[in-house]
Amino acid sequence: MNLHSTLSKEMDTLISTEDFLNFFTIPYDEDVVKVKRLHILQRFHDYVRHNDNDMPDTAEEQYIWLQQWLTQAYDDFVVSDAITEKVFRVFRMTPRAEGGSNTFVPLEEIFQ
C-alpha cells in the first residue's frame, strides 16, 4: 500500500478510533465507539489491507477511499456486534471432537 506522504503524515497523528472518525468526518455514536472501538479499527485495517490494490494515487482520492472503508467498518458494528462479526480470531471458535470448542491462536497467527 502506497499511502500519499501528506495523508500518511496527517494520519500518523491519529491515536484513537474517535480521532480516525473525526479526521475522516464520519458522524458516530459515542456509545457504539466506546464499546466497539478496537473492532472498528481492526475491521478498517482488514478492509484496507484486502483492497489495497484498488487504492487511488492522489491524496484526495485516497482520503475518500479510506473514508469509505472506515465508514463501512463503523457501520458494520452499528448494526451488529463483535461476536457476530468475528473480527478477532478469538471469536472464531472451532468445535473439538471431544466436545466444547477451541479458541487457541498460534503465536505466528496473532498479528495476521
Protein backbone atom coordinates (compact mmCIF):
# COMPACT_ATOMS: atom_id res chain seq x y z
CA MET A 1 0.00 0.00 0.00
CA ASN A 2 1.44 3.35 -1.04
CA LEU A 3 -0.22 5.99 1.04
CA HIS A 4 0.42 9.55 -0.17
CA SER A 5 3.07 11.19 2.04
CA THR A 6 0.83 14.13 3.01
CA LEU A 7 -2.01 11.87 4.06
CA SER A 8 0.38 9.50 5.81
CA LYS A 9 1.83 12.33 7.93
CA GLU A 10 -1.64 13.52 8.90
CA MET A 11 -2.76 10.02 9.81
CA ASP A 12 0.37 9.40 11.90
CA THR A 13 -1.06 11.79 14.49
CA LEU A 14 -4.29 9.81 14.91
CA ILE A 15 -4.42 7.70 18.04
CA SER A 16 -7.98 6.76 18.95
CA THR A 17 -10.94 5.49 17.00
CA GLU A 18 -12.56 8.85 17.62
CA ASP A 19 -9.51 10.56 16.09
CA PHE A 20 -9.91 8.49 12.92
CA LEU A 21 -13.65 9.09 12.70
CA ASN A 22 -13.21 12.83 13.22
CA PHE A 23 -10.34 13.05 10.73
CA PHE A 24 -12.46 11.37 8.07
CA THR A 25 -15.52 13.46 9.10
CA ILE A 26 -17.65 10.41 9.86
CA PRO A 27 -20.52 11.07 12.28
CA TYR A 28 -20.64 8.49 15.06
CA ASP A 29 -22.47 7.44 18.19
CA GLU A 30 -20.13 7.67 21.17
CA ASP A 31 -21.83 4.68 22.83
CA VAL A 32 -21.09 2.47 19.81
CA VAL A 33 -17.46 3.58 19.65
CA LYS A 34 -16.97 3.25 23.41
CA VAL A 35 -17.79 -0.46 23.28
CA LYS A 36 -16.51 -1.44 19.83
CA ARG A 37 -13.52 0.84 19.18
CA LEU A 38 -10.91 -1.89 18.66
CA HIS A 39 -13.24 -3.90 16.47
CA ILE A 40 -13.96 -0.90 14.25
CA LEU A 41 -10.27 -0.11 13.71
CA GLN A 42 -9.39 -3.75 13.11
CA ARG A 43 -12.19 -4.08 10.55
CA PHE A 44 -10.99 -0.84 8.88
CA HIS A 45 -7.46 -2.26 8.74
CA ASP A 46 -8.78 -5.52 7.27
CA TYR A 47 -10.79 -3.71 4.59
CA VAL A 48 -7.83 -1.55 3.58
CA ARG A 49 -5.41 -4.48 3.57
CA HIS A 50 -7.70 -6.69 1.47
CA ASN A 51 -8.45 -3.92 -1.03
CA ASP A 52 -5.15 -2.06 -1.20
CA ASN A 53 -4.67 -2.95 -4.88
CA ASP A 54 -7.58 -0.61 -5.60
CA MET A 55 -6.13 2.36 -3.70
CA PRO A 56 -6.07 5.53 -5.82
CA ASP A 57 -2.92 7.58 -6.36
CA THR A 58 -3.70 11.11 -5.19
CA ALA A 59 -4.05 12.19 -1.56
CA GLU A 60 -7.57 13.49 -2.18
CA GLU A 61 -8.74 10.24 -3.77
CA GLN A 62 -7.02 8.18 -1.07
CA TYR A 63 -8.76 10.22 1.63
CA ILE A 64 -12.16 9.46 0.08
CA TRP A 65 -11.24 5.79 -0.43
CA LEU A 66 -10.13 5.41 3.20
CA GLN A 67 -13.16 7.36 4.41
CA GLN A 68 -15.44 4.90 2.63
CA TRP A 69 -13.73 1.89 4.24
CA LEU A 70 -13.81 3.42 7.72
CA THR A 71 -17.48 4.29 7.26
CA GLN A 72 -18.17 0.68 6.26
CA ALA A 73 -16.21 -0.63 9.26
CA TYR A 74 -18.13 1.64 11.63
CA ASP A 75 -21.48 0.77 10.04
CA ASP A 76 -20.72 -2.95 10.42
CA PHE A 77 -20.73 -2.52 14.18
CA VAL A 78 -23.71 -0.17 14.36
CA VAL A 79 -25.96 -2.95 13.07
CA SER A 80 -24.07 -5.93 14.50
CA ASP A 81 -21.87 -6.97 17.41
CA ALA A 82 -18.33 -8.19 17.93
CA ILE A 83 -19.24 -11.85 18.34
CA THR A 84 -21.29 -11.90 15.13
CA GLU A 85 -18.67 -10.03 13.10
CA LYS A 86 -15.78 -12.17 14.43
CA VAL A 87 -13.10 -9.59 13.67
CA PHE A 88 -10.64 -11.05 16.16
CA ARG A 89 -9.52 -14.64 15.90
CA VAL A 90 -10.56 -15.38 19.46
CA PHE A 91 -14.20 -15.12 18.36
CA ARG A 92 -13.72 -17.77 15.68
CA MET A 93 -14.15 -20.84 17.85
CA THR A 94 -13.69 -24.27 16.33
CA PRO A 95 -15.56 -27.30 17.68
CA ARG A 96 -13.43 -30.06 19.18
CA ALA A 97 -14.18 -33.73 18.54
CA GLU A 98 -14.44 -34.44 22.28
CA GLY A 99 -16.89 -31.56 22.75
CA GLY A 100 -16.52 -27.93 23.58
CA SER A 101 -14.59 -25.55 21.43
CA ASN A 102 -11.07 -24.39 20.84
CA THR A 103 -10.03 -20.75 20.84
CA PHE A 104 -6.29 -21.41 20.67
CA VAL A 105 -4.45 -18.97 18.44
CA PRO A 106 -0.91 -19.96 17.43
CA LEU A 107 1.65 -17.23 18.16
CA GLU A 108 2.62 -16.87 14.49
CA GLU A 109 -1.00 -16.00 13.60
CA ILE A 110 -1.59 -13.32 16.22
CA PHE A 111 -0.62 -10.38 14.01
CA GLN A 112 -2.12 -11.60 10.74
